[in-house]
Amino acid sequence: MSFFRVHIPTAELLGEIAESLGYRIVDIELWRTRISTVTKLQLNENVLILKNREG
């Protein structure tokens, strides 16, 4: 994801927050790629797969 042309690693950031709340990152998978409407650059959209550490 990008905001004002600055790449933001959303899945990684959400994964860090989830880990601090007791979840474990199982995987970050590529869901799709799309082209930015402004810069015409390729952007990756990911799926963050989490598992509760207690379960």
PDB file of N, CA and C in Angstrom:
ATOM      1  N   MET A   1       0.848  -1.163   0.000  1.00  0.00           N
ATOM      2  CA  MET A   1       0.000   0.000   0.000  1.00  0.00           C
ATOM      3  C   MET A   1       0.898   1.231   0.000  1.00  0.00           C
ATOM      4  N   SER A   2       0.425   2.311  -0.597  1.00  0.00           N
ATOM      5  CA  SER A   2       1.190   3.555  -0.555  1.00  0.00           C
ATOM      6  C   SER A   2       0.253   4.702  -0.182  1.00  0.00           C
ATOM      7  N   PHE A   3       0.850   5.713   0.379  1.00  0.00           N
ATOM      8  CA  PHE A   3       0.112   6.894   0.787  1.00  0.00           C
ATOM      9  C   PHE A   3       0.940   8.087   0.363  1.00  0.00           C
ATOM     10  N   PHE A   4       0.411   8.908  -0.509  1.00  0.00           N
ATOM     11  CA  PHE A   4       1.165  10.017  -1.081  1.00  0.00           C
ATOM     12  C   PHE A   4       2.503   9.543  -1.637  1.00  0.00           C
ATOM     13  N   ARG A   5       2.446   8.412  -2.367  1.00  0.00           N
ATOM     14  CA  ARG A   5       3.592   7.827  -3.055  1.00  0.00           C
ATOM     15  C   ARG A   5       4.678   7.296  -2.130  1.00  0.00           C
ATOM     16  N   VAL A   6       4.343   7.065  -0.873  1.00  0.00           N
ATOM     17  CA  VAL A   6       5.282   6.470   0.082  1.00  0.00           C
ATOM     18  C   VAL A   6       4.801   5.052   0.370  1.00  0.00           C
ATOM     19  N   HIS A   7       5.682   4.069   0.116  1.00  0.00           N
ATOM     20  CA  HIS A   7       5.317   2.670   0.343  1.00  0.00           C
ATOM     21  C   HIS A   7       5.132   2.421   1.841  1.00  0.00           C
ATOM     22  N   ILE A   8       4.026   1.779   2.201  1.00  0.00           N
ATOM     23  CA  ILE A   8       3.746   1.423   3.591  1.00  0.00           C
ATOM     24  C   ILE A   8       3.577  -0.094   3.650  1.00  0.00           C
ATOM     25  N   PRO A   9       4.474  -0.807   4.358  1.00  0.00           N
ATOM     26  CA  PRO A   9       4.379  -2.266   4.446  1.00  0.00           C
ATOM     27  C   PRO A   9       3.271  -2.673   5.426  1.00  0.00           C
ATOM     28  N   THR A  10       2.040  -2.534   4.998  1.00  0.00           N
ATOM     29  CA  THR A  10       0.885  -2.706   5.867  1.00  0.00           C
ATOM     30  C   THR A  10       0.833  -4.079   6.535  1.00  0.00           C
ATOM     31  N   ALA A  11       1.030  -5.140   5.772  1.00  0.00           N
ATOM     32  CA  ALA A  11       0.954  -6.494   6.341  1.00  0.00           C
ATOM     33  C   ALA A  11       2.011  -6.684   7.424  1.00  0.00           C
ATOM     34  N   GLU A  12       3.212  -6.177   7.185  1.00  0.00           N
ATOM     35  CA  GLU A  12       4.284  -6.322   8.171  1.00  0.00           C
ATOM     36  C   GLU A  12       3.980  -5.520   9.443  1.00  0.00           C
ATOM     37  N   LEU A  13       3.468  -4.312   9.274  1.00  0.00           N
ATOM     38  CA  LEU A  13       3.133  -3.484  10.432  1.00  0.00           C
ATOM     39  C   LEU A  13       1.999  -4.102  11.245  1.00  0.00           C
ATOM     40  N   LEU A  14       0.971  -4.580  10.563  1.00  0.00           N
ATOM     41  CA  LEU A  14      -0.137  -5.227  11.273  1.00  0.00           C
ATOM     42  C   LEU A  14       0.338  -6.514  11.946  1.00  0.00           C
ATOM     43  N   GLY A  15       1.274  -7.215  11.315  1.00  0.00           N
ATOM     44  CA  GLY A  15       1.835  -8.426  11.912  1.00  0.00           C
ATOM     45  C   GLY A  15       2.563  -8.124  13.205  1.00  0.00           C
ATOM     46  N   GLU A  16       3.331  -7.039  13.236  1.00  0.00           N
ATOM     47  CA  GLU A  16       4.034  -6.642  14.457  1.00  0.00           C
ATOM     48  C   GLU A  16       3.045  -6.327  15.577  1.00  0.00           C
ATOM     49  N   ILE A  17       1.974  -5.634  15.235  1.00  0.00           N
ATOM     50  CA  ILE A  17       0.956  -5.306  16.239  1.00  0.00           C
ATOM     51  C   ILE A  17       0.295  -6.592  16.746  1.00  0.00           C
ATOM     52  N   ALA A  18      -0.033  -7.480  15.817  1.00  0.00           N
ATOM     53  CA  ALA A  18      -0.670  -8.746  16.199  1.00  0.00           C
ATOM     54  C   ALA A  18       0.236  -9.563  17.113  1.00  0.00           C
ATOM     55  N   GLU A  19       1.541  -9.615  16.819  1.00  0.00           N
ATOM     56  CA  GLU A  19       2.473 -10.354  17.667  1.00  0.00           C
ATOM     57  C   GLU A  19       2.512  -9.778  19.075  1.00  0.00           C
ATOM     58  N   SER A  20       2.443  -8.463  19.167  1.00  0.00           N
ATOM     59  CA  SER A  20       2.467  -7.837  20.494  1.00  0.00           C
ATOM     60  C   SER A  20       1.191  -8.139  21.282  1.00  0.00           C
ATOM     61  N   LEU A  21       0.131  -8.567  20.582  1.00  0.00           N
ATOM     62  CA  LEU A  21      -1.146  -8.897  21.222  1.00  0.00           C
ATOM     63  C   LEU A  21      -1.325 -10.393  21.431  1.00  0.00           C
ATOM     64  N   GLY A  22      -0.269 -11.166  21.151  1.00  0.00           N
ATOM     65  CA  GLY A  22      -0.326 -12.589  21.425  1.00  0.00           C
ATOM     66  C   GLY A  22      -0.587 -13.494  20.237  1.00  0.00           C
ATOM     67  N   TYR A  23      -0.509 -12.977  19.032  1.00  0.00           N
ATOM     68  CA  TYR A  23      -0.691 -13.798  17.839  1.00  0.00           C
ATOM     69  C   TYR A  23       0.665 -14.142  17.239  1.00  0.00           C
ATOM     70  N   ARG A  24       0.671 -15.158  16.396  1.00  0.00           N
ATOM     71  CA  ARG A  24       1.878 -15.565  15.689  1.00  0.00           C
ATOM     72  C   ARG A  24       1.616 -15.405  14.198  1.00  0.00           C
ATOM     73  N   ILE A  25       2.577 -14.859  13.470  1.00  0.00           N
ATOM     74  CA  ILE A  25       2.440 -14.727  12.027  1.00  0.00           C
ATOM     75  C   ILE A  25       2.709 -16.089  11.403  1.00  0.00           C
ATOM     76  N   VAL A  26       1.707 -16.622  10.717  1.00  0.00           N
ATOM     77  CA  VAL A  26       1.865 -17.889  10.011  1.00  0.00           C
ATOM     78  C   VAL A  26       2.480 -17.625   8.647  1.00  0.00           C
ATOM     79  N   ASP A  27       1.955 -16.619   7.956  1.00  0.00           N
ATOM     80  CA  ASP A  27       2.458 -16.306   6.622  1.00  0.00           C
ATOM     81  C   ASP A  27       1.934 -14.952   6.171  1.00  0.00           C
ATOM     82  N   ILE A  28       2.645 -14.377   5.240  1.00  0.00           N
ATOM     83  CA  ILE A  28       2.165 -13.203   4.510  1.00  0.00           C
ATOM     84  C   ILE A  28       2.195 -13.615   3.051  1.00  0.00           C
ATOM     85  N   GLU A  29       1.013 -13.753   2.452  1.00  0.00           N
ATOM     86  CA  GLU A  29       0.905 -14.238   1.080  1.00  0.00           C
ATOM     87  C   GLU A  29       0.472 -13.117   0.148  1.00  0.00           C
ATOM     88  N   LEU A  30       0.994 -13.170  -1.048  1.00  0.00           N
ATOM     89  CA  LEU A  30       0.591 -12.215  -2.075  1.00  0.00           C
ATOM     90  C   LEU A  30      -0.832 -12.547  -2.519  1.00  0.00           C
ATOM     91  N   TRP A  31      -1.730 -11.589  -2.392  1.00  0.00           N
ATOM     92  CA  TRP A  31      -3.114 -11.782  -2.797  1.00  0.00           C
ATOM     93  C   TRP A  31      -3.287 -11.386  -4.265  1.00  0.00           C
ATOM     94  N   ARG A  32      -2.813 -10.190  -4.590  1.00  0.00           N
ATOM     95  CA  ARG A  32      -2.881  -9.719  -5.973  1.00  0.00           C
ATOM     96  C   ARG A  32      -1.900  -8.578  -6.176  1.00  0.00           C
ATOM     97  N   THR A  33      -1.660  -8.273  -7.421  1.00  0.00           N
ATOM     98  CA  THR A  33      -0.874  -7.101  -7.773  1.00  0.00           C
ATOM     99  C   THR A  33      -1.778  -6.179  -8.564  1.00  0.00           C
ATOM    100  N   ARG A  34      -1.594  -4.929  -8.332  1.00  0.00           N
ATOM    101  CA  ARG A  34      -2.396  -3.959  -9.084  1.00  0.00           C
ATOM    102  C   ARG A  34      -1.514  -2.793  -9.491  1.00  0.00           C
ATOM    103  N   ILE A  35      -2.007  -1.991 -10.385  1.00  0.00           N
ATOM    104  CA  ILE A  35      -1.263  -0.834 -10.868  1.00  0.00           C
ATOM    105  C   ILE A  35      -1.812   0.417 -10.194  1.00  0.00           C
ATOM    106  N   SER A  36      -0.891   1.207  -9.642  1.00  0.00           N
ATOM    107  CA  SER A  36      -1.271   2.457  -8.996  1.00  0.00           C
ATOM    108  C   SER A  36      -1.889   3.401 -10.020  1.00  0.00           C
ATOM    109  N   THR A  37      -2.972   4.049  -9.632  1.00  0.00           N
ATOM    110  CA  THR A  37      -3.644   4.957 -10.561  1.00  0.00           C
ATOM    111  C   THR A  37      -2.849   6.240 -10.801  1.00  0.00           C
ATOM    112  N   VAL A  38      -2.056   6.642  -9.822  1.00  0.00           N
ATOM    113  CA  VAL A  38      -1.308   7.896  -9.952  1.00  0.00           C
ATOM    114  C   VAL A  38       0.060   7.680 -10.600  1.00  0.00           C
ATOM    115  N   THR A  39       0.831   6.761 -10.031  1.00  0.00           N
ATOM    116  CA  THR A  39       2.211   6.580 -10.501  1.00  0.00           C
ATOM    117  C   THR A  39       2.361   5.504 -11.560  1.00  0.00           C
ATOM    118  N   LYS A  40       1.321   4.697 -11.755  1.00  0.00           N
ATOM    119  CA  LYS A  40       1.338   3.569 -12.698  1.00  0.00           C
ATOM    120  C   LYS A  40       2.370   2.505 -12.311  1.00  0.00           C
ATOM    121  N   LEU A  41       2.759   2.468 -11.049  1.00  0.00           N
ATOM    122  CA  LEU A  41       3.684   1.458 -10.551  1.00  0.00           C
ATOM    123  C   LEU A  41       2.905   0.248 -10.051  1.00  0.00           C
ATOM    124  N   GLN A  42       3.565  -0.890 -10.060  1.00  0.00           N
ATOM    125  CA  GLN A  42       2.951  -2.121  -9.586  1.00  0.00           C
ATOM    126  C   GLN A  42       2.963  -2.147  -8.060  1.00  0.00           C
ATOM    127  N   LEU A  43       1.794  -2.447  -7.460  1.00  0.00           N
ATOM    128  CA  LEU A  43       1.666  -2.532  -6.012  1.00  0.00           C
ATOM    129  C   LEU A  43       1.198  -3.929  -5.626  1.00  0.00           C
ATOM    130  N   ASN A  44       1.796  -4.478  -4.580  1.00  0.00           N
ATOM    131  CA  ASN A  44       1.389  -5.783  -4.077  1.00  0.00           C
ATOM    132  C   ASN A  44       0.369  -5.611  -2.963  1.00  0.00           C
ATOM    133  N   GLU A  45      -0.665  -6.445  -2.982  1.00  0.00           N
ATOM    134  CA  GLU A  45      -1.628  -6.505  -1.887  1.00  0.00           C
ATOM    135  C   GLU A  45      -1.505  -7.887  -1.268  1.00  0.00           C
ATOM    136  N   ASN A  46      -1.347  -7.926   0.054  1.00  0.00           N
ATOM    137  CA  ASN A  46      -1.042  -9.162   0.752  1.00  0.00           C
ATOM    138  C   ASN A  46      -2.149  -9.591   1.698  1.00  0.00           C
ATOM    139  N   VAL A  47      -2.129 -10.883   2.035  1.00  0.00           N
ATOM    140  CA  VAL A  47      -3.002 -11.450   3.047  1.00  0.00           C
ATOM    141  C   VAL A  47      -2.113 -11.836   4.221  1.00  0.00           C
ATOM    142  N   LEU A  48      -2.457 -11.373   5.408  1.00  0.00           N
ATOM    143  CA  LEU A  48      -1.725 -11.673   6.629  1.00  0.00           C
ATOM    144  C   LEU A  48      -2.448 -12.814   7.346  1.00  0.00           C
ATOM    145  N   ILE A  49      -1.765 -13.934   7.503  1.00  0.00           N
ATOM    146  CA  ILE A  49      -2.366 -15.101   8.157  1.00  0.00           C
ATOM    147  C   ILE A  49      -1.787 -15.214   9.561  1.00  0.00           C
ATOM    148  N   LEU A  50      -2.679 -15.180  10.551  1.00  0.00           N
ATOM    149  CA  LEU A  50      -2.275 -15.185  11.959  1.00  0.00           C
ATOM    150  C   LEU A  50      -2.821 -16.417  12.666  1.00  0.00           C
ATOM    151  N   LYS A  51      -2.159 -16.782  13.751  1.00  0.00           N
ATOM    152  CA  LYS A  51      -2.656 -17.861  14.601  1.00  0.00           C
ATOM    153  C   LYS A  51      -2.498 -17.416  16.043  1.00  0.00           C
ATOM    154  N   ASN A  52      -3.503 -17.722  16.852  1.00  0.00           N
ATOM    155  CA  ASN A  52      -3.447 -17.405  18.261  1.00  0.00           C
ATOM    156  C   ASN A  52      -2.393 -18.292  18.913  1.00  0.00           C
ATOM    157  N   ARG A  53      -1.463 -17.730  19.660  1.00  0.00           N
ATOM    158  CA  ARG A  53      -0.402 -18.514  20.275  1.00  0.00           C
ATOM    159  C   ARG A  53      -0.924 -19.504  21.306  1.00  0.00           C
ATOM    160  N   GLU A  54      -2.072 -19.219  21.886  1.00  0.00           N
ATOM    161  CA  GLU A  54      -2.641 -20.086  22.906  1.00  0.00           C
ATOM    162  C   GLU A  54      -3.319 -21.313  22.300  1.00  0.00           C
ATOM    163  N   GLY A  55      -3.656 -21.249  21.031  1.00  0.00           N
ATOM    164  CA  GLY A  55      -4.424 -22.333  20.415  1.00  0.00           C
ATOM    165  C   GLY A  55      -3.690 -23.139  19.407  1.00  0.00           C
TER     166      GLY A  55
END
